[in-house]
Amino acid sequence: MSASHYTVRVVEAEAVTPGVRRLRLGPADAGLLPPVSAGAHTVVSFETGGRLVRNAYSLTAPSLSGESWEIAVQRSPTSRGGSAFIHDRLREGDELTVSAPVNLFPLYRLAHHHVLVAGGIGITPIAAMAEELARQGASFELHYAVRSETEGAFCRDLLARHGPRMRLYSTERQERLRVKEIIPHQPLGTHLYVCGPERMIEAVLADARSAGWPEANLHAERFQAPAGGDPFEVFLARSKKSTTVGEHESLLEAIEQIGVEAPYLCRGGACGECLCEVLGADGEIDHRDHFLSSEERRAGEKIMICMSRLKGRELVLDL
């Protein structure tokens, strides 16, 4: 696997909204978990429906003690097994396997000011950032867009903790997050962080770029579930194994099901860890990642197996 793994026990499980469940995870033995910085995530592994599920979840609070981690999971109406299992079957005392924390969305420590923007369940890494910045006495502001305060995770807690530094936008109250009104008035050296639905992330980044913000000052976290598609065959040249990638599973998941451990970190098409060389493709590669350049996509020689697929009959990989 790509990282060390730990067995944890569900110490506490709480419904923070009708659609979001918070889990506090502690070490299953007498040891400690690794420290966690704001923006980090872990990959949670469990068996459900006769198959192995591995999903990445942001850790909702920084932790140096190693006594526990926290994640918050939103129930998905199109769940492929992960969120349904966590909401309906997981109980306090149950054990899970988690990866060592990986931080692909870190705070820039030298920033003069931090603008934190979250939409929906995208609050999970952003809440950790706000907590860490508050502890350090750093300058920041938090903007959180929700459908309603009832549906928004941690709304009351965040308002109580961060008060005037936080602005909540509720669709129910016909309030809209207008980034164009926020970004022009920031001091030099400000960094912006955004997590939420894909369309929101792209809109926020586009507004910042239009306002002249440098790319180095823009940070985004994306955790997308791999979308399905028509089944296709994959042959792993080095492993000499083949399998069918099903309609509702990713290429990475199909490879794992036949006992081949492919590298991964984010499982969301952003980090580049699961990049594989394409040796042959009877069809068109459907690139769905956020890592490869336009030129690399056109060349058709590489694929991010956590998100991308083939529109065709067979894919041959150097794996």
Protein backbone atom coordinates (compact mmCIF):
# COMPACT_ATOMS: atom_id res chain seq x y z
CA MET A 1 0.00 0.00 0.00
CA SER A 2 1.02 3.64 -0.35
CA ALA A 3 1.14 4.46 3.37
CA SER A 4 1.26 2.90 6.82
CA HIS A 5 -2.06 1.66 8.09
CA TYR A 6 -3.58 1.60 11.57
CA THR A 7 -6.48 -0.20 13.21
CA VAL A 8 -8.82 2.22 14.96
CA ARG A 9 -11.94 1.87 17.06
CA VAL A 10 -15.03 4.07 16.74
CA VAL A 11 -14.97 5.86 20.10
CA GLU A 12 -17.93 8.12 19.37
CA ALA A 13 -20.50 8.37 16.57
CA GLU A 14 -22.82 11.36 16.36
CA ALA A 15 -25.33 12.68 13.83
CA VAL A 16 -24.39 16.36 13.56
CA THR A 17 -27.13 16.95 10.95
CA PRO A 18 -29.74 14.61 9.41
CA GLY A 19 -27.27 13.85 6.62
CA VAL A 20 -23.82 14.11 8.25
CA ARG A 21 -22.33 11.70 10.79
CA ARG A 22 -19.24 12.54 12.81
CA LEU A 23 -16.90 9.76 13.95
CA ARG A 24 -14.19 10.01 16.59
CA LEU A 25 -11.60 7.32 16.00
CA GLY A 26 -9.13 6.14 18.62
CA PRO A 27 -6.28 3.59 18.42
CA ALA A 28 -7.52 0.02 18.86
CA ASP A 29 -4.45 -0.90 20.91
CA ALA A 30 -2.39 0.90 23.53
CA GLY A 31 -0.48 2.96 20.98
CA LEU A 32 -1.06 6.42 19.57
CA LEU A 33 -2.09 7.66 16.14
CA PRO A 34 0.22 9.94 14.12
CA PRO A 35 -0.22 13.70 14.60
CA VAL A 36 -2.56 15.47 12.18
CA SER A 37 -2.19 18.94 10.66
CA ALA A 38 -5.06 21.00 9.25
CA GLY A 39 -5.95 19.97 5.69
CA ALA A 40 -4.89 16.34 6.09
CA HIS A 41 -6.97 13.33 5.08
CA THR A 42 -6.99 9.60 5.75
CA VAL A 43 -8.18 6.67 3.64
CA VAL A 44 -10.67 4.51 5.54
CA SER A 45 -10.93 0.83 4.53
CA PHE A 46 -13.76 -1.57 5.33
CA GLU A 47 -15.64 -4.56 3.92
CA THR A 48 -19.25 -4.13 2.84
CA GLY A 49 -21.43 -6.01 0.40
CA GLY A 50 -18.69 -8.57 -0.14
CA ARG A 51 -16.14 -6.05 -1.39
CA LEU A 52 -13.38 -3.87 -0.04
CA VAL A 53 -14.18 -0.15 0.06
CA ARG A 54 -11.48 2.50 0.47
CA ASN A 55 -12.62 6.11 0.77
CA ALA A 56 -10.66 9.26 1.54
CA TYR A 57 -12.04 11.56 4.26
CA SER A 58 -10.69 14.86 5.52
CA LEU A 59 -9.78 15.00 9.20
CA THR A 60 -11.97 17.67 10.77
CA ALA A 61 -9.62 18.81 13.53
CA PRO A 62 -5.84 19.12 13.92
CA SER A 63 -4.38 16.83 16.57
CA LEU A 64 -0.90 16.48 18.03
CA SER A 65 -1.79 14.16 20.92
CA GLY A 66 -2.40 11.02 18.84
CA GLU A 67 -5.32 10.05 21.08
CA SER A 68 -8.01 10.34 18.42
CA TRP A 69 -8.93 11.58 14.95
CA GLU A 70 -12.27 12.89 13.71
CA ILE A 71 -13.98 12.58 10.34
CA ALA A 72 -17.43 13.69 9.18
CA VAL A 73 -19.23 11.73 6.46
CA GLN A 74 -22.14 12.98 4.42
CA ARG A 75 -24.75 10.44 3.34
CA SER A 76 -24.74 10.30 -0.44
CA PRO A 77 -27.96 9.53 -2.33
CA THR A 78 -25.78 7.79 -4.92
CA SER A 79 -23.58 5.99 -2.38
CA ARG A 80 -21.49 3.15 -3.82
CA GLY A 81 -21.39 1.59 -0.35
CA GLY A 82 -19.16 3.88 1.72
CA SER A 83 -21.46 6.52 3.18
CA ALA A 84 -24.35 4.05 3.51
CA PHE A 85 -22.15 1.69 5.54
CA ILE A 86 -20.91 4.49 7.83
CA HIS A 87 -24.40 5.89 8.42
CA ASP A 88 -26.40 2.67 8.70
CA ARG A 89 -24.09 -0.08 9.95
CA LEU A 90 -21.09 1.37 11.76
CA ARG A 91 -21.45 1.49 15.55
CA GLU A 92 -19.38 2.68 18.50
CA GLY A 93 -16.82 -0.01 19.33
CA ASP A 94 -16.46 -1.20 15.73
CA GLU A 95 -12.99 -1.30 14.21
CA LEU A 96 -11.75 0.16 10.93
CA THR A 97 -8.46 0.37 9.06
CA VAL A 98 -7.14 3.85 8.30
CA SER A 99 -4.07 5.08 6.44
CA ALA A 100 -1.47 7.41 7.88
CA PRO A 101 -2.55 11.03 7.39
CA VAL A 102 -1.58 12.68 4.12
CA ASN A 103 -1.75 16.45 3.66
CA LEU A 104 -2.20 17.63 0.09
CA PHE A 105 -4.05 20.78 1.23
CA PRO A 106 -1.75 22.40 3.81
CA LEU A 107 -1.89 25.92 5.19
CA TYR A 108 0.78 28.27 3.90
CA ARG A 109 2.43 29.29 7.15
CA LEU A 110 3.99 32.53 5.88
CA ALA A 111 0.70 34.01 4.60
CA HIS A 112 -0.23 37.40 6.05
CA HIS A 113 -3.94 36.49 5.97
CA HIS A 114 -5.99 33.40 5.13
CA VAL A 115 -9.38 33.36 3.35
CA LEU A 116 -11.16 30.05 3.99
CA VAL A 117 -14.12 29.17 1.73
CA ALA A 118 -16.30 26.07 2.14
CA GLY A 119 -19.47 24.72 0.61
CA GLY A 120 -21.50 21.91 2.19
CA ILE A 121 -19.42 18.97 3.41
CA GLY A 122 -16.34 20.80 2.11
CA ILE A 123 -16.26 22.35 5.58
CA THR A 124 -14.39 19.31 6.93
CA PRO A 125 -10.81 20.38 6.05
CA ILE A 126 -11.71 24.06 6.28
CA ALA A 127 -12.94 23.67 9.88
CA ALA A 128 -9.59 22.11 10.80
CA MET A 129 -7.80 25.04 9.19
CA ALA A 130 -9.88 27.57 11.11
CA GLU A 131 -9.18 25.73 14.37
CA GLU A 132 -5.44 25.61 13.77
CA LEU A 133 -5.24 29.26 12.71
CA ALA A 134 -7.28 30.33 15.74
CA ARG A 135 -4.93 28.43 18.07
CA GLN A 136 -1.95 30.18 16.49
CA GLY A 137 -3.54 33.63 16.67
CA ALA A 138 -3.19 33.96 12.89
CA SER A 139 -5.25 36.31 10.74
CA PHE A 140 -8.08 34.56 8.87
CA GLU A 141 -11.70 34.76 7.78
CA LEU A 142 -14.13 31.91 7.15
CA HIS A 143 -16.92 31.88 4.55
CA TYR A 144 -19.30 28.90 4.67
CA ALA A 145 -22.15 28.32 2.19
CA VAL A 146 -24.93 25.89 3.18
CA ARG A 147 -28.43 25.04 2.02
CA SER A 148 -29.71 25.77 5.52
CA GLU A 149 -28.26 25.95 9.04
CA THR A 150 -30.02 22.67 9.80
CA GLU A 151 -28.25 20.88 6.95
CA GLY A 152 -24.86 22.59 7.35
CA ALA A 153 -22.40 20.60 9.45
CA PHE A 154 -20.97 22.32 12.54
CA CYS A 155 -22.66 25.69 11.84
CA ARG A 156 -23.37 26.55 15.47
CA ASP A 157 -20.03 25.30 16.74
CA LEU A 158 -18.11 27.25 14.14
CA LEU A 159 -20.04 30.46 14.80
CA ALA A 160 -19.46 30.05 18.53
CA ARG A 161 -15.73 29.44 18.05
CA HIS A 162 -14.93 32.01 15.39
CA GLY A 163 -17.63 34.66 15.81
CA PRO A 164 -16.95 37.81 13.76
CA ARG A 165 -14.31 36.06 11.64
CA MET A 166 -16.99 33.79 10.16
CA ARG A 167 -19.72 34.53 7.62
CA LEU A 168 -22.47 31.95 7.04
CA TYR A 169 -24.46 31.99 3.78
CA SER A 170 -27.78 30.12 3.77
CA THR A 171 -29.62 29.34 0.54
CA GLU A 172 -32.76 29.00 2.65
CA ARG A 173 -32.41 32.69 3.56
CA GLN A 174 -31.58 33.54 -0.06
CA GLU A 175 -28.00 34.45 0.83
CA ARG A 176 -25.26 33.88 -1.75
CA LEU A 177 -21.54 33.56 -1.39
CA ARG A 178 -20.10 36.21 -3.73
CA VAL A 179 -16.38 35.69 -3.90
CA LYS A 180 -15.97 38.68 -6.22
CA GLU A 181 -16.97 40.87 -3.29
CA ILE A 182 -14.46 39.24 -0.94
CA ILE A 183 -11.21 38.84 -2.86
CA PRO A 184 -10.53 42.43 -4.04
CA HIS A 185 -10.18 43.75 -0.48
CA GLN A 186 -7.51 41.41 0.86
CA PRO A 187 -4.02 42.48 1.98
CA LEU A 188 -0.95 41.58 -0.04
CA GLY A 189 0.24 38.09 0.89
CA THR A 190 -3.24 36.63 1.44
CA HIS A 191 -3.82 32.98 0.55
CA LEU A 192 -7.20 31.50 -0.38
CA TYR A 193 -8.37 27.93 0.37
CA VAL A 194 -11.55 26.40 -1.01
CA CYS A 195 -13.29 23.04 -0.64
CA GLY A 196 -16.80 22.03 -1.70
CA PRO A 197 -18.75 21.01 -4.80
CA GLU A 198 -16.67 20.98 -7.97
CA ARG A 199 -18.62 23.80 -9.66
CA MET A 200 -18.19 26.00 -6.62
CA ILE A 201 -14.44 25.34 -6.45
CA GLU A 202 -13.98 26.21 -10.12
CA ALA A 203 -16.09 29.39 -9.78
CA VAL A 204 -14.13 30.58 -6.73
CA LEU A 205 -10.78 29.94 -8.40
CA ALA A 206 -11.93 31.61 -11.64
CA ASP A 207 -13.01 34.74 -9.74
CA ALA A 208 -9.68 34.90 -7.91
CA ARG A 209 -7.70 34.49 -11.13
CA SER A 210 -9.77 37.18 -12.82
CA ALA A 211 -8.92 39.49 -9.94
CA GLY A 212 -5.23 38.89 -10.57
CA TRP A 213 -4.41 36.47 -7.76
CA PRO A 214 -1.24 34.43 -8.41
CA GLU A 215 -1.67 30.66 -8.71
CA ALA A 216 0.69 30.09 -5.80
CA ASN A 217 -1.82 31.80 -3.47
CA LEU A 218 -4.78 29.60 -4.50
CA HIS A 219 -5.40 26.23 -2.86
CA ALA A 220 -8.25 23.75 -3.44
CA GLU A 221 -9.20 20.33 -2.08
CA ARG A 222 -11.26 17.95 -4.21
CA PHE A 223 -12.65 14.62 -3.06
CA GLN A 224 -14.81 13.30 -5.89
CA ALA A 225 -16.28 9.84 -6.01
CA PRO A 226 -15.34 8.20 -9.31
CA ALA A 227 -18.24 8.40 -11.72
CA GLY A 228 -19.36 5.20 -13.41
CA GLY A 229 -19.45 4.26 -17.05
CA ASP A 230 -19.67 1.35 -19.44
CA PRO A 231 -17.67 -1.75 -18.38
CA PHE A 232 -14.33 -2.45 -20.07
CA GLU A 233 -11.43 -4.88 -19.76
CA VAL A 234 -8.05 -4.05 -18.28
CA PHE A 235 -4.87 -6.12 -18.62
CA LEU A 236 -1.94 -5.52 -16.24
CA ALA A 237 1.19 -6.31 -18.21
CA ARG A 238 3.66 -6.71 -15.32
CA SER A 239 1.24 -8.55 -13.03
CA LYS A 240 -0.08 -10.64 -15.95
CA LYS A 241 -3.63 -10.27 -14.63
CA SER A 242 -6.82 -9.06 -16.27
CA THR A 243 -10.27 -8.10 -15.03
CA THR A 244 -13.43 -6.29 -15.98
CA VAL A 245 -13.94 -2.77 -14.64
CA GLY A 246 -17.60 -2.66 -13.70
CA GLU A 247 -20.12 0.05 -14.34
CA HIS A 248 -20.04 1.32 -10.75
CA GLU A 249 -16.39 0.81 -9.79
CA SER A 250 -13.20 2.66 -10.54
CA LEU A 251 -10.22 1.26 -12.41
CA LEU A 252 -8.24 1.40 -9.15
CA GLU A 253 -10.93 -0.51 -7.26
CA ALA A 254 -11.13 -3.21 -9.93
CA ILE A 255 -7.35 -3.65 -9.81
CA GLU A 256 -7.42 -3.94 -6.02
CA GLN A 257 -10.16 -6.58 -6.18
CA ILE A 258 -7.83 -8.96 -8.05
CA GLY A 259 -5.11 -8.59 -5.43
CA VAL A 260 -2.84 -6.04 -7.09
CA GLU A 261 -1.81 -3.19 -4.80
CA ALA A 262 -1.58 -0.07 -6.93
CA PRO A 263 -0.20 3.18 -5.44
CA TYR A 264 -2.63 5.86 -4.23
CA LEU A 265 -2.91 8.77 -1.82
CA CYS A 266 -6.04 10.87 -2.44
CA ARG A 267 -8.16 8.50 -4.57
CA GLY A 268 -9.69 11.64 -6.06
CA GLY A 269 -7.61 12.45 -9.13
CA ALA A 270 -5.56 15.28 -7.62
CA CYS A 271 -2.25 14.02 -6.23
CA GLY A 272 -0.75 12.05 -9.12
CA GLU A 273 0.28 9.07 -6.99
CA CYS A 274 -1.78 6.52 -8.94
CA LEU A 275 -0.44 7.59 -12.34
CA CYS A 276 0.02 4.59 -14.65
CA GLU A 277 1.64 4.21 -18.06
CA VAL A 278 -0.75 3.16 -20.82
CA LEU A 279 0.72 0.44 -23.06
CA GLY A 280 -2.35 0.05 -25.22
CA ALA A 281 -5.92 1.26 -25.50
CA ASP A 282 -8.64 -0.21 -27.68
CA GLY A 283 -10.81 2.87 -27.33
CA GLU A 284 -10.65 6.41 -25.96
CA ILE A 285 -9.32 7.27 -22.50
CA ASP A 286 -11.87 9.26 -20.51
CA HIS A 287 -9.68 11.51 -18.35
CA ARG A 288 -11.46 12.71 -15.19
CA ASP A 289 -8.53 13.79 -13.04
CA HIS A 290 -7.15 17.19 -12.00
CA PHE A 291 -3.50 16.27 -12.43
CA LEU A 292 -2.58 15.60 -16.06
CA SER A 293 -1.95 18.50 -18.42
CA SER A 294 -3.92 18.94 -21.64
CA GLU A 295 -0.89 17.79 -23.60
CA GLU A 296 -0.54 14.63 -21.50
CA ARG A 297 -4.20 13.84 -21.98
CA ARG A 298 -3.96 14.22 -25.74
CA ALA A 299 -0.89 11.98 -25.85
CA GLY A 300 -2.87 9.13 -24.25
CA GLU A 301 0.23 7.61 -22.65
CA LYS A 302 -0.79 8.09 -18.99
CA ILE A 303 -3.90 7.60 -16.90
CA MET A 304 -4.94 8.34 -13.32
CA ILE A 305 -6.53 5.04 -12.37
CA CYS A 306 -8.44 6.34 -9.36
CA MET A 307 -10.83 8.43 -11.48
CA SER A 308 -10.36 7.91 -15.23
CA ARG A 309 -11.81 5.18 -17.43
CA LEU A 310 -11.80 3.81 -20.96
CA LYS A 311 -14.55 4.32 -23.50
CA GLY A 312 -13.86 1.18 -25.42
CA ARG A 313 -13.02 -2.52 -25.14
CA GLU A 314 -9.63 -3.00 -23.46
CA LEU A 315 -6.92 -1.01 -21.66
CA VAL A 316 -3.37 -2.34 -21.15
CA LEU A 317 -1.39 -0.86 -18.26
CA ASP A 318 2.22 -1.09 -17.11
CA LEU A 319 1.30 -2.41 -13.67
